[in-house]
Amino acid sequence: MQTKIEAARDALDAQVREIVGWHFDPQTGCPFWLEYASQLDWDPRREIQTFADLARFGFFEDEWLRGGPVQRWIPKGYAGRPVYTFETGGSTGVPKSRISIEDFRLDYEAFSATLPDEFFPKGADWLSLGPTGPRRLRLAVEHLAQYRGGICFMVDLDPRWVIKLLKMNQPRMAEAYKQHVVEQGLTLLRAHAGIRCLFTTPKLLEALCEKVSLKKMGITGVFCGGTEMTQQFHRFAVEELLEGAYFAPTYGNTLMGLAVHKPRVAEDNYAVIYYPPSPRAMIEVVDPDNPEKVVEYGATGRVRLTTLTREFFMPRFLERDEAEREPPCEPYPWDGVRNVRPFSRLQANVVEGVY
């Protein structure tokens, strides 16, 4: 295991050198980072050689991604390529925007390799019962279905409307909207017998299972993500909701891609444990009062996220989540996170809605 850990760290350091070299090269870099470099008295391409060296950049600021022009994030090396803009949930003010060209495809193709074909059959159709609109999920889940040889059926879901209803103290209207979304999903499940795979959020999965048996509807695999994914829900889903379907919980967002679940073993007692897609992204758990410092294994801290792709370089971003630091495991010889949840110091300002 130690050999695998060292090899993974070497691969991460190599990725850092490649991505910093790309984003700070005047021929290939994006305007934002080239402008940033012009204010420095040191050359990142020369001095950033390891993942630890990213500390030279300080922390990536939330506000850099709010508002435009988003063109400042497009690397010159991708000039002329079609560009997507994906937004974060928008539960706190102006949504953060991230450009993408093919990362969402690459991330979900890598995720596909972690799904067992027995439960997510190649060629089977999918239903995506979750956020749509400007969110990356909309295209990413569809690409996942296509990559695995199937077709993805979609519903309309605007989580910002749910958040607005809750802020207006209209829980009945929010519940009515949730039922409206679930009914759309049921209509598709009943009309298309080839749907075997489901993407949804914990709240919507529970609402769906209150109305139908997933087993009777032919669902054999469920890919589920969202901040409501707790240890208790994990147990509830596996033992009561899924009726033998495979449960693949994930921790993902627009900025990182998605972290995959650790294979379930009895000793973890349904803890929700995720590992990031190293070396393309890395999650660390840091001391909230001193976010330069990574906490010990098993300790609680704030999630610090780094994304390292040619499309998007985001060093050391402090997420609005907290978790326990998890040690490397056999499939994933790098740090993971356990039981991710909204950062407790920010909870008063966050309304999660349908997640």
Protein backbone atom coordinates (compact mmCIF):
# COMPACT_ATOMS: atom_id res chain seq x y z
CA MET A 1 0.00 0.00 0.00
CA GLN A 2 2.82 2.42 0.83
CA THR A 3 4.25 1.90 -2.65
CA LYS A 4 0.86 2.70 -4.18
CA ILE A 5 0.51 5.82 -2.00
CA GLU A 6 3.93 7.08 -3.10
CA ALA A 7 3.13 6.36 -6.78
CA ALA A 8 -0.17 8.27 -6.46
CA ARG A 9 1.64 11.22 -4.88
CA ASP A 10 4.21 11.22 -7.68
CA ALA A 11 1.40 11.19 -10.25
CA LEU A 12 -0.27 14.11 -8.46
CA ASP A 13 2.96 16.12 -8.43
CA ALA A 14 3.43 15.41 -12.15
CA GLN A 15 -0.14 16.56 -12.83
CA VAL A 16 0.54 19.79 -10.92
CA ARG A 17 3.62 20.51 -13.05
CA GLU A 18 1.74 19.79 -16.28
CA ILE A 19 -1.34 21.86 -15.40
CA VAL A 20 0.57 24.84 -13.98
CA GLY A 21 2.82 24.73 -17.04
CA TRP A 22 -0.24 24.78 -19.30
CA HIS A 23 -2.25 27.53 -17.56
CA PHE A 24 0.72 29.87 -17.11
CA ASP A 25 2.17 29.44 -20.60
CA PRO A 26 1.36 32.54 -22.73
CA GLN A 27 0.61 30.23 -25.66
CA THR A 28 -1.88 27.94 -23.92
CA GLY A 29 -2.94 29.57 -20.64
CA CYS A 30 -6.19 31.31 -19.80
CA PRO A 31 -6.37 35.12 -19.48
CA PHE A 32 -7.22 34.96 -15.78
CA TRP A 33 -4.10 33.05 -14.75
CA LEU A 34 -1.84 34.92 -17.18
CA GLU A 35 -3.02 38.21 -15.70
CA TYR A 36 -2.57 36.76 -12.21
CA ALA A 37 1.01 35.74 -13.05
CA SER A 38 1.81 39.22 -14.34
CA GLN A 39 1.31 40.53 -10.78
CA LEU A 40 3.76 38.05 -9.27
CA ASP A 41 7.50 38.48 -8.77
CA TRP A 42 8.04 34.73 -9.33
CA ASP A 43 7.27 32.32 -12.17
CA PRO A 44 4.79 29.57 -11.25
CA ARG A 45 6.07 27.38 -14.09
CA ARG A 46 9.49 27.34 -12.50
CA GLU A 47 8.65 27.32 -8.80
CA ILE A 48 5.54 25.12 -8.58
CA GLN A 49 6.90 21.58 -8.77
CA THR A 50 4.76 19.63 -6.28
CA PHE A 51 1.22 19.59 -4.92
CA ALA A 52 2.52 21.10 -1.67
CA ASP A 53 3.96 24.04 -3.63
CA LEU A 54 0.41 25.17 -4.50
CA ALA A 55 0.41 26.84 -1.08
CA ARG A 56 2.28 29.68 -2.84
CA PHE A 57 -1.06 30.66 -4.41
CA GLY A 58 -2.87 31.11 -1.10
CA PHE A 59 -6.58 30.26 -1.43
CA PHE A 60 -8.74 30.38 -4.52
CA GLU A 61 -11.40 33.03 -3.97
CA ASP A 62 -15.09 32.28 -4.31
CA GLU A 63 -15.84 35.63 -5.94
CA TRP A 64 -13.49 35.01 -8.88
CA LEU A 65 -16.11 32.68 -10.35
CA ARG A 66 -19.13 34.90 -9.78
CA GLY A 67 -20.02 37.06 -12.79
CA GLY A 68 -18.18 37.56 -16.05
CA PRO A 69 -16.62 37.64 -18.42
CA VAL A 70 -16.34 33.86 -18.34
CA GLN A 71 -14.11 34.07 -21.41
CA ARG A 72 -11.22 34.91 -19.10
CA TRP A 73 -11.23 31.26 -18.00
CA ILE A 74 -10.90 29.78 -21.51
CA PRO A 75 -7.33 28.56 -22.11
CA LYS A 76 -5.76 29.84 -25.32
CA GLY A 77 -4.86 26.23 -26.06
CA TYR A 78 -8.59 25.57 -26.57
CA ALA A 79 -9.26 28.56 -28.84
CA GLY A 80 -12.04 27.86 -31.30
CA ARG A 81 -13.45 24.88 -29.40
CA PRO A 82 -17.14 24.90 -28.36
CA VAL A 83 -17.41 25.96 -24.73
CA TYR A 84 -20.03 25.09 -22.13
CA THR A 85 -20.74 27.18 -19.06
CA PHE A 86 -21.90 25.30 -15.97
CA GLU A 87 -23.15 26.93 -12.80
CA THR A 88 -23.16 25.90 -9.18
CA GLY A 89 -26.48 25.40 -7.43
CA GLY A 90 -27.10 29.07 -6.77
CA SER A 91 -28.23 28.50 -3.19
CA THR A 92 -26.01 31.36 -1.98
CA GLY A 93 -26.17 34.52 -4.12
CA VAL A 94 -24.82 34.82 -7.66
CA PRO A 95 -23.95 31.31 -8.86
CA LYS A 96 -20.35 30.47 -9.59
CA SER A 97 -19.68 29.76 -13.28
CA ARG A 98 -17.16 27.32 -14.68
CA ILE A 99 -16.30 26.82 -18.33
CA SER A 100 -16.00 23.30 -19.68
CA ILE A 101 -15.09 21.73 -22.99
CA GLU A 102 -14.77 18.03 -22.33
CA ASP A 103 -14.00 17.62 -18.62
CA PHE A 104 -17.55 16.56 -17.83
CA ARG A 105 -17.23 13.74 -20.33
CA LEU A 106 -13.81 12.63 -19.10
CA ASP A 107 -14.89 12.72 -15.45
CA TYR A 108 -17.98 10.63 -16.05
CA GLU A 109 -16.18 8.16 -18.29
CA ALA A 110 -13.76 7.56 -15.40
CA PHE A 111 -16.72 7.21 -13.03
CA SER A 112 -18.29 4.70 -15.42
CA ALA A 113 -15.38 2.35 -14.81
CA THR A 114 -16.39 2.11 -11.12
CA LEU A 115 -19.96 0.97 -11.88
CA PRO A 116 -20.58 -2.80 -11.90
CA ASP A 117 -22.04 -3.94 -15.22
CA GLU A 118 -24.22 -6.47 -13.40
CA PHE A 119 -26.28 -3.64 -11.91
CA PHE A 120 -25.68 -0.89 -14.47
CA PRO A 121 -25.99 -3.00 -17.65
CA LYS A 122 -24.27 -1.79 -20.78
CA GLY A 123 -26.93 -0.75 -23.28
CA ALA A 124 -29.55 -0.09 -20.60
CA ASP A 125 -31.43 3.21 -20.55
CA TRP A 126 -31.24 5.72 -17.72
CA LEU A 127 -33.59 8.12 -15.95
CA SER A 128 -32.07 11.32 -14.55
CA LEU A 129 -34.33 12.63 -11.79
CA GLY A 130 -32.37 15.60 -10.54
CA PRO A 131 -31.27 19.18 -11.18
CA THR A 132 -31.21 20.33 -14.80
CA GLY A 133 -30.76 23.76 -16.45
CA PRO A 134 -27.26 25.26 -16.20
CA ARG A 135 -25.90 22.50 -14.00
CA ARG A 136 -23.22 20.14 -15.20
CA LEU A 137 -25.28 17.13 -14.12
CA ARG A 138 -27.70 17.72 -16.97
CA LEU A 139 -25.14 16.85 -19.65
CA ALA A 140 -22.87 14.66 -17.53
CA VAL A 141 -25.45 12.03 -16.59
CA GLU A 142 -26.70 11.97 -20.16
CA HIS A 143 -23.14 11.42 -21.40
CA LEU A 144 -22.67 8.65 -18.83
CA ALA A 145 -25.75 6.86 -20.19
CA GLN A 146 -24.59 7.31 -23.78
CA TYR A 147 -21.03 6.21 -22.96
CA ARG A 148 -22.47 3.00 -21.51
CA GLY A 149 -24.55 2.45 -24.63
CA GLY A 150 -27.92 3.68 -23.41
CA ILE A 151 -30.30 6.62 -23.72
CA CYS A 152 -31.00 9.04 -20.88
CA PHE A 153 -34.52 10.27 -20.11
CA MET A 154 -34.77 13.59 -18.31
CA VAL A 155 -37.22 15.61 -16.25
CA ASP A 156 -37.29 19.38 -15.73
CA LEU A 157 -36.10 20.39 -12.27
CA ASP A 158 -35.18 23.89 -11.11
CA PRO A 159 -33.69 23.63 -7.59
CA ARG A 160 -33.53 27.43 -7.29
CA TRP A 161 -37.32 27.56 -7.36
CA VAL A 162 -37.46 25.07 -4.49
CA ILE A 163 -34.96 27.15 -2.53
CA LYS A 164 -37.02 30.29 -3.16
CA LEU A 165 -40.20 28.57 -1.98
CA LEU A 166 -38.51 27.46 1.24
CA LYS A 167 -37.12 30.93 1.85
CA MET A 168 -40.65 32.32 1.36
CA ASN A 169 -41.87 29.86 4.01
CA GLN A 170 -43.89 27.91 1.46
CA PRO A 171 -43.06 24.29 2.36
CA ARG A 172 -46.35 23.01 0.93
CA MET A 173 -45.57 24.54 -2.46
CA ALA A 174 -42.05 23.08 -2.31
CA GLU A 175 -43.53 19.67 -1.54
CA ALA A 176 -46.02 20.05 -4.41
CA TYR A 177 -43.16 20.87 -6.79
CA LYS A 178 -41.20 17.83 -5.56
CA GLN A 179 -44.23 15.62 -6.22
CA HIS A 180 -44.59 17.19 -9.68
CA VAL A 181 -41.01 16.19 -10.47
CA VAL A 182 -41.47 12.67 -9.09
CA GLU A 183 -44.65 12.21 -11.14
CA GLN A 184 -42.72 13.12 -14.30
CA GLY A 185 -40.17 10.45 -13.41
CA LEU A 186 -42.89 7.86 -12.79
CA THR A 187 -44.45 8.62 -16.16
CA LEU A 188 -41.13 7.93 -17.88
CA LEU A 189 -40.46 4.75 -15.89
CA ARG A 190 -43.88 3.37 -16.79
CA ALA A 191 -43.58 4.30 -20.46
CA HIS A 192 -40.03 3.04 -21.13
CA ALA A 193 -39.36 -0.52 -20.05
CA GLY A 194 -35.67 -0.29 -20.99
CA ILE A 195 -34.80 2.03 -18.08
CA ARG A 196 -32.63 0.07 -15.64
CA CYS A 197 -30.41 2.81 -14.18
CA LEU A 198 -31.38 5.86 -12.15
CA PHE A 199 -29.63 9.05 -11.16
CA THR A 200 -31.34 11.05 -8.42
CA THR A 201 -30.87 12.86 -5.10
CA PRO A 202 -31.61 11.37 -1.65
CA LYS A 203 -34.83 13.34 -1.13
CA LEU A 204 -36.16 12.48 -4.57
CA LEU A 205 -35.18 8.82 -4.22
CA GLU A 206 -37.16 8.57 -1.00
CA ALA A 207 -40.15 10.34 -2.57
CA LEU A 208 -40.02 8.03 -5.59
CA CYS A 209 -39.86 4.91 -3.41
CA GLU A 210 -42.89 6.05 -1.42
CA LYS A 211 -44.91 5.57 -4.62
CA VAL A 212 -43.41 2.55 -6.38
CA SER A 213 -41.17 -0.46 -5.92
CA LEU A 214 -37.90 0.18 -7.76
CA LYS A 215 -37.52 -3.56 -8.19
CA LYS A 216 -40.92 -3.86 -9.87
CA MET A 217 -40.06 -0.90 -12.09
CA GLY A 218 -36.93 -2.73 -13.27
CA ILE A 219 -34.31 -0.47 -11.65
CA THR A 220 -31.12 -2.39 -10.87
CA GLY A 221 -28.62 0.43 -10.24
CA VAL A 222 -28.98 3.82 -8.53
CA PHE A 223 -26.36 6.59 -8.79
CA CYS A 224 -27.18 9.12 -6.08
CA GLY A 225 -25.62 12.42 -5.04
CA GLY A 226 -26.36 15.40 -2.86
CA THR A 227 -25.66 16.98 0.51
CA GLU A 228 -28.51 15.02 2.13
CA MET A 229 -26.44 11.85 1.75
CA THR A 230 -25.94 10.89 5.39
CA GLN A 231 -24.84 7.69 7.08
CA GLN A 232 -28.45 7.14 8.18
CA PHE A 233 -29.81 7.64 4.64
CA HIS A 234 -27.16 5.33 3.22
CA ARG A 235 -28.36 2.53 5.51
CA PHE A 236 -32.03 3.34 4.83
CA ALA A 237 -31.49 3.30 1.08
CA VAL A 238 -29.62 -0.01 1.01
CA GLU A 239 -31.72 -1.86 3.58
CA GLU A 240 -35.19 -0.55 2.72
CA LEU A 241 -35.51 1.55 -0.43
CA LEU A 242 -33.47 -0.22 -3.08
CA GLU A 243 -34.71 -3.83 -2.82
CA GLY A 244 -31.40 -5.25 -4.03
CA ALA A 245 -30.45 -2.53 -6.53
CA TYR A 246 -26.83 -1.37 -6.37
CA PHE A 247 -26.36 1.96 -4.58
CA ALA A 248 -23.57 4.23 -5.85
CA PRO A 249 -23.40 7.38 -3.70
CA THR A 250 -21.16 10.19 -4.97
CA TYR A 251 -19.90 13.56 -3.81
CA GLY A 252 -19.65 15.88 -6.76
CA ASN A 253 -19.93 19.46 -7.86
CA THR A 254 -19.44 21.69 -10.85
CA LEU A 255 -15.94 22.70 -9.77
CA MET A 256 -14.40 19.30 -9.08
CA GLY A 257 -16.20 16.63 -10.99
CA LEU A 258 -17.19 13.76 -8.76
CA ALA A 259 -15.66 11.72 -5.98
CA VAL A 260 -16.63 8.04 -5.94
CA HIS A 261 -17.76 5.94 -3.00
CA LYS A 262 -15.50 3.47 -1.29
CA PRO A 263 -16.71 -0.11 -1.83
CA ARG A 264 -19.07 -0.88 1.03
CA VAL A 265 -17.69 -3.10 3.82
CA ALA A 266 -19.39 -4.04 7.10
CA GLU A 267 -16.80 -2.38 9.35
CA ASP A 268 -17.56 1.06 7.86
CA ASN A 269 -21.13 0.75 9.22
CA TYR A 270 -22.66 2.64 6.26
CA ALA A 271 -20.40 5.68 6.67
CA VAL A 272 -20.41 7.60 3.39
CA ILE A 273 -16.76 7.59 2.28
CA TYR A 274 -15.61 9.28 -0.91
CA TYR A 275 -12.33 9.46 -2.80
CA PRO A 276 -11.58 12.25 -5.31
CA PRO A 277 -10.53 11.57 -8.93
CA SER A 278 -6.81 12.03 -8.32
CA PRO A 279 -4.74 13.38 -10.02
CA ARG A 280 -7.44 15.47 -11.77
CA ALA A 281 -8.76 16.75 -8.45
CA MET A 282 -7.83 16.41 -4.80
CA ILE A 283 -9.81 16.86 -1.60
CA GLU A 284 -8.15 17.73 1.69
CA VAL A 285 -9.67 18.23 5.14
CA VAL A 286 -8.25 21.28 6.89
CA ASP A 287 -8.51 23.07 10.22
CA PRO A 288 -11.33 25.65 9.87
CA ASP A 289 -9.36 28.11 12.03
CA ASN A 290 -6.11 27.50 10.17
CA PRO A 291 -6.99 26.28 6.65
CA GLU A 292 -3.30 25.94 5.77
CA LYS A 293 -3.19 22.93 8.10
CA VAL A 294 -4.49 19.48 7.14
CA VAL A 295 -6.15 17.71 10.09
CA GLU A 296 -5.20 14.24 11.35
CA TYR A 297 -6.91 11.12 10.01
CA GLY A 298 -10.34 10.73 11.59
CA ALA A 299 -10.51 14.39 12.64
CA THR A 300 -13.19 16.80 11.43
CA GLY A 301 -12.40 19.84 9.29
CA ARG A 302 -13.41 21.94 6.33
CA VAL A 303 -13.12 20.55 2.81
CA ARG A 304 -10.38 22.16 0.68
CA LEU A 305 -10.65 21.37 -3.01
CA THR A 306 -8.07 21.58 -5.79
CA THR A 307 -8.95 20.96 -9.46
CA LEU A 308 -6.13 20.22 -11.90
CA THR A 309 -7.22 19.90 -15.52
CA ARG A 310 -6.21 21.68 -18.70
CA GLU A 311 -9.65 23.27 -18.82
CA PHE A 312 -9.76 24.43 -15.23
CA PHE A 313 -7.12 25.13 -12.59
CA MET A 314 -8.50 25.87 -9.12
CA PRO A 315 -5.93 25.59 -6.32
CA ARG A 316 -7.01 25.29 -2.67
CA PHE A 317 -10.66 26.35 -2.70
CA LEU A 318 -12.40 26.26 0.69
CA GLU A 319 -15.71 24.48 0.12
CA ARG A 320 -18.88 25.05 2.13
CA ASP A 321 -18.66 21.47 3.35
CA GLU A 322 -17.06 19.71 6.28
CA ALA A 323 -16.05 16.07 6.74
CA GLU A 324 -13.70 13.68 8.50
CA ARG A 325 -10.34 12.92 6.89
CA GLU A 326 -10.19 9.36 5.63
CA PRO A 327 -6.95 7.42 5.01
CA PRO A 328 -6.09 5.85 1.64
CA CYS A 329 -7.70 2.50 0.81
CA GLU A 330 -6.91 -0.34 -1.61
CA PRO A 331 -8.69 0.96 -4.73
CA TYR A 332 -7.81 4.61 -3.97
CA PRO A 333 -4.32 5.14 -2.51
CA TRP A 334 -4.86 8.77 -1.52
CA ASP A 335 -6.86 10.70 1.08
CA GLY A 336 -10.64 10.58 1.11
CA VAL A 337 -13.46 12.16 3.11
CA ARG A 338 -16.07 10.63 5.39
CA ASN A 339 -19.64 11.81 5.96
CA VAL A 340 -19.54 15.08 4.03
CA ARG A 341 -22.13 17.61 5.19
CA PRO A 342 -22.71 21.38 5.01
CA PHE A 343 -20.03 23.33 6.90
CA SER A 344 -21.59 23.93 10.31
CA ARG A 345 -20.46 27.56 10.56
CA LEU A 346 -22.25 28.40 7.30
CA GLN A 347 -25.42 26.36 7.82
CA ALA A 348 -27.58 29.34 8.77
CA ASN A 349 -27.02 30.81 5.30
CA VAL A 350 -27.58 27.69 3.20
CA VAL A 351 -30.90 26.26 2.02
CA GLU A 352 -30.41 22.93 0.29
CA GLY A 353 -33.87 22.36 -1.21
CA VAL A 354 -34.15 19.21 -3.32
CA TYR A 355 -30.65 17.95 -2.60
